[in-house]
Amino acid sequence: TTYKISEMAAAILALPTGSGETNYLPAVCNDAAGGYTLPDGALTGVTSIRPYTFYESHVTSVAFPSGLTTIGEHAFTDSDITGVDLPASVTSIGKAAFKGTAGRTFIIRATPPPTIVNDSFGGLPDANLAIYVPDASLSAYQSAWGYYYQVIHPISDL
């Protein structure tokens, strides 16, 4: 059977925790130098992106669904994803979820700030990292995400 990347990703993301199946997609995502885009609607109904799902993949774009709440650890580590725009429903971003991604600009629409760990977006904040958050929540993000204080900006700055 041949699956489109969007069908395979949705099927793997939908696996119940502890099913014994992996949700690591390098074989599917790494066989095209041009990268993959998961189209709008490909992840409809997905509330959690499990750990390592797109680890080291050539997925360049993902339309994150409005009901997404959790992004697991290393979900996009060292992937080619750019232009990340997370919906207001996100409540948790795991360890190193976006470490080493091709894109270093993130829009996070959640209020209040999602729970993170200090390396959710990669090691030390650098000049290329920019995190944009709702204007009304700027101080809450800067307080909750003190580690990234210097790179957190209001969405209105875009």
Protein backbone atom coordinates (compact mmCIF):
# COMPACT_ATOMS: atom_id res chain seq x y z
CA THR A 1 0.00 0.00 0.00
CA THR A 2 1.26 3.49 -0.81
CA TYR A 3 0.44 6.34 1.53
CA LYS A 4 0.82 10.04 1.08
CA ILE A 5 3.00 11.62 3.77
CA SER A 6 -0.07 13.34 5.21
CA GLU A 7 -1.96 10.04 5.52
CA MET A 8 1.01 8.28 7.10
CA ALA A 9 1.69 11.12 9.53
CA ALA A 10 -1.95 11.29 10.58
CA ALA A 11 -2.07 7.50 11.07
CA ILE A 12 1.10 7.46 13.15
CA LEU A 13 0.06 10.48 15.20
CA ALA A 14 -3.25 8.78 15.96
CA LEU A 15 -1.63 5.65 17.45
CA PRO A 16 -2.47 5.21 21.11
CA THR A 17 0.35 5.70 23.57
CA GLY A 18 1.97 2.37 24.42
CA SER A 19 0.81 0.73 21.20
CA GLY A 20 4.34 -0.51 20.56
CA GLU A 21 4.45 1.32 17.23
CA THR A 22 6.95 4.03 16.52
CA ASN A 23 6.01 7.51 15.49
CA TYR A 24 9.41 8.35 14.02
CA LEU A 25 9.11 9.15 10.30
CA PRO A 26 12.63 9.54 8.86
CA ALA A 27 12.25 6.91 6.14
CA VAL A 28 9.20 8.68 4.77
CA CYS A 29 10.31 12.26 5.36
CA ASN A 30 13.97 12.00 4.36
CA ASP A 31 13.79 10.53 0.89
CA ALA A 32 13.21 13.80 -0.96
CA ALA A 33 15.77 16.56 -1.07
CA GLY A 34 13.05 19.11 -1.78
CA GLY A 35 11.20 18.46 1.46
CA TYR A 36 7.58 17.76 2.24
CA THR A 37 4.65 19.94 3.19
CA LEU A 38 1.83 18.56 5.27
CA PRO A 39 -1.19 20.29 3.74
CA ASP A 40 -3.99 22.06 5.56
CA GLY A 41 -6.28 19.43 7.04
CA ALA A 42 -3.69 16.64 7.05
CA LEU A 43 -3.64 16.62 10.85
CA THR A 44 -7.29 17.50 11.48
CA GLY A 45 -8.40 16.04 14.79
CA VAL A 46 -4.84 15.51 16.08
CA THR A 47 -4.44 16.86 19.60
CA SER A 48 -0.91 15.65 20.30
CA ILE A 49 2.25 15.32 18.22
CA ARG A 50 4.14 12.52 19.88
CA PRO A 51 7.89 12.51 20.63
CA TYR A 52 10.25 12.15 17.66
CA THR A 53 7.44 12.22 15.07
CA PHE A 54 9.31 14.47 12.62
CA TYR A 55 12.82 14.11 14.08
CA GLU A 56 15.49 14.88 11.44
CA SER A 57 12.84 14.99 8.72
CA HIS A 58 12.62 17.05 5.55
CA VAL A 59 9.10 18.23 6.43
CA THR A 60 9.25 21.95 5.71
CA SER A 61 5.73 23.05 6.59
CA VAL A 62 2.98 21.79 8.86
CA ALA A 63 -0.51 23.26 9.19
CA PHE A 64 -0.98 22.80 12.93
CA PRO A 65 -4.64 22.00 13.74
CA SER A 66 -6.63 24.29 16.01
CA GLY A 67 -7.20 21.56 18.61
CA LEU A 68 -3.51 20.72 19.07
CA THR A 69 -2.56 20.79 22.75
CA THR A 70 0.77 18.96 23.09
CA ILE A 71 4.00 18.79 21.13
CA GLY A 72 6.20 15.97 22.40
CA GLU A 73 9.90 16.04 23.08
CA HIS A 74 12.13 16.14 20.00
CA ALA A 75 9.01 16.18 17.77
CA PHE A 76 10.73 18.41 15.17
CA THR A 77 14.37 18.31 16.31
CA ASP A 78 16.81 18.93 13.43
CA SER A 79 13.98 19.04 10.90
CA ASP A 80 13.60 21.37 7.92
CA ILE A 81 10.41 22.97 9.27
CA THR A 82 10.18 26.76 8.90
CA GLY A 83 7.58 29.35 9.80
CA VAL A 84 6.05 27.60 12.82
CA ASP A 85 2.65 29.05 13.80
CA LEU A 86 1.16 27.26 16.81
CA PRO A 87 -2.56 27.59 17.60
CA ALA A 88 -4.04 29.06 20.77
CA SER A 89 -4.92 25.55 21.98
CA VAL A 90 -1.29 24.50 22.64
CA THR A 91 -0.64 23.94 26.36
CA SER A 92 2.68 22.05 26.36
CA ILE A 93 5.86 22.06 24.24
CA GLY A 94 8.27 19.24 25.08
CA LYS A 95 12.00 19.09 25.60
CA ALA A 96 13.96 20.05 22.46
CA ALA A 97 10.74 19.92 20.41
CA PHE A 98 12.10 22.52 17.97
CA LYS A 99 15.83 22.24 18.63
CA GLY A 100 17.96 22.72 15.53
CA THR A 101 15.06 23.42 13.15
CA ALA A 102 15.73 25.19 9.86
CA GLY A 103 13.32 27.97 10.79
CA ARG A 104 14.06 29.99 13.91
CA THR A 105 10.90 32.13 13.95
CA PHE A 106 7.96 30.91 16.00
CA ILE A 107 4.47 32.35 16.42
CA ILE A 108 2.68 31.04 19.49
CA ARG A 109 -0.93 32.14 19.84
CA ALA A 110 -1.71 30.51 23.19
CA THR A 111 -2.77 32.48 26.24
CA PRO A 112 -1.61 31.71 28.88
CA PRO A 113 1.90 30.56 27.86
CA PRO A 114 2.25 26.81 27.25
CA THR A 115 4.44 24.80 29.59
CA ILE A 116 7.97 24.39 28.21
CA VAL A 117 11.44 23.32 29.34
CA ASN A 118 14.54 25.48 28.85
CA ASP A 119 15.55 23.82 25.60
CA SER A 120 12.16 23.47 23.88
CA PHE A 121 13.48 25.73 21.10
CA GLY A 122 17.10 24.60 21.34
CA GLY A 123 20.03 25.48 23.60
CA LEU A 124 20.84 29.06 24.42
CA PRO A 125 18.72 31.75 22.76
CA ASP A 126 20.63 33.22 19.82
CA ALA A 127 20.29 36.19 17.48
CA ASN A 128 18.42 34.06 14.91
CA LEU A 129 15.71 32.91 17.33
CA ALA A 130 12.49 34.95 17.51
CA ILE A 131 9.35 33.96 19.38
CA TYR A 132 6.20 36.01 18.76
CA VAL A 133 3.33 35.85 21.25
CA PRO A 134 -0.02 37.59 21.76
CA ASP A 135 0.57 41.22 22.70
CA ALA A 136 -1.61 41.01 25.80
CA SER A 137 0.40 38.01 27.04
CA LEU A 138 3.91 39.36 26.43
CA SER A 139 4.78 39.90 30.11
CA ALA A 140 3.30 36.51 31.07
CA TYR A 141 5.50 34.78 28.48
CA GLN A 142 8.58 36.73 29.51
CA SER A 143 7.96 35.76 33.13
CA ALA A 144 7.07 32.10 32.50
CA TRP A 145 9.73 31.60 29.82
CA GLY A 146 12.51 33.61 31.45
CA TYR A 147 15.15 31.55 29.68
CA TYR A 148 13.92 32.97 26.35
CA TYR A 149 13.10 36.46 27.70
CA GLN A 150 15.38 38.29 25.21
CA VAL A 151 13.83 36.71 22.09
CA ILE A 152 10.12 36.97 22.98
CA HIS A 153 8.29 39.69 21.04
CA PRO A 154 4.65 40.78 20.60
CA ILE A 155 2.92 39.48 17.48
CA SER A 156 2.25 43.09 16.49
CA ASP A 157 5.99 43.42 15.76
CA LEU A 158 5.66 41.06 12.79
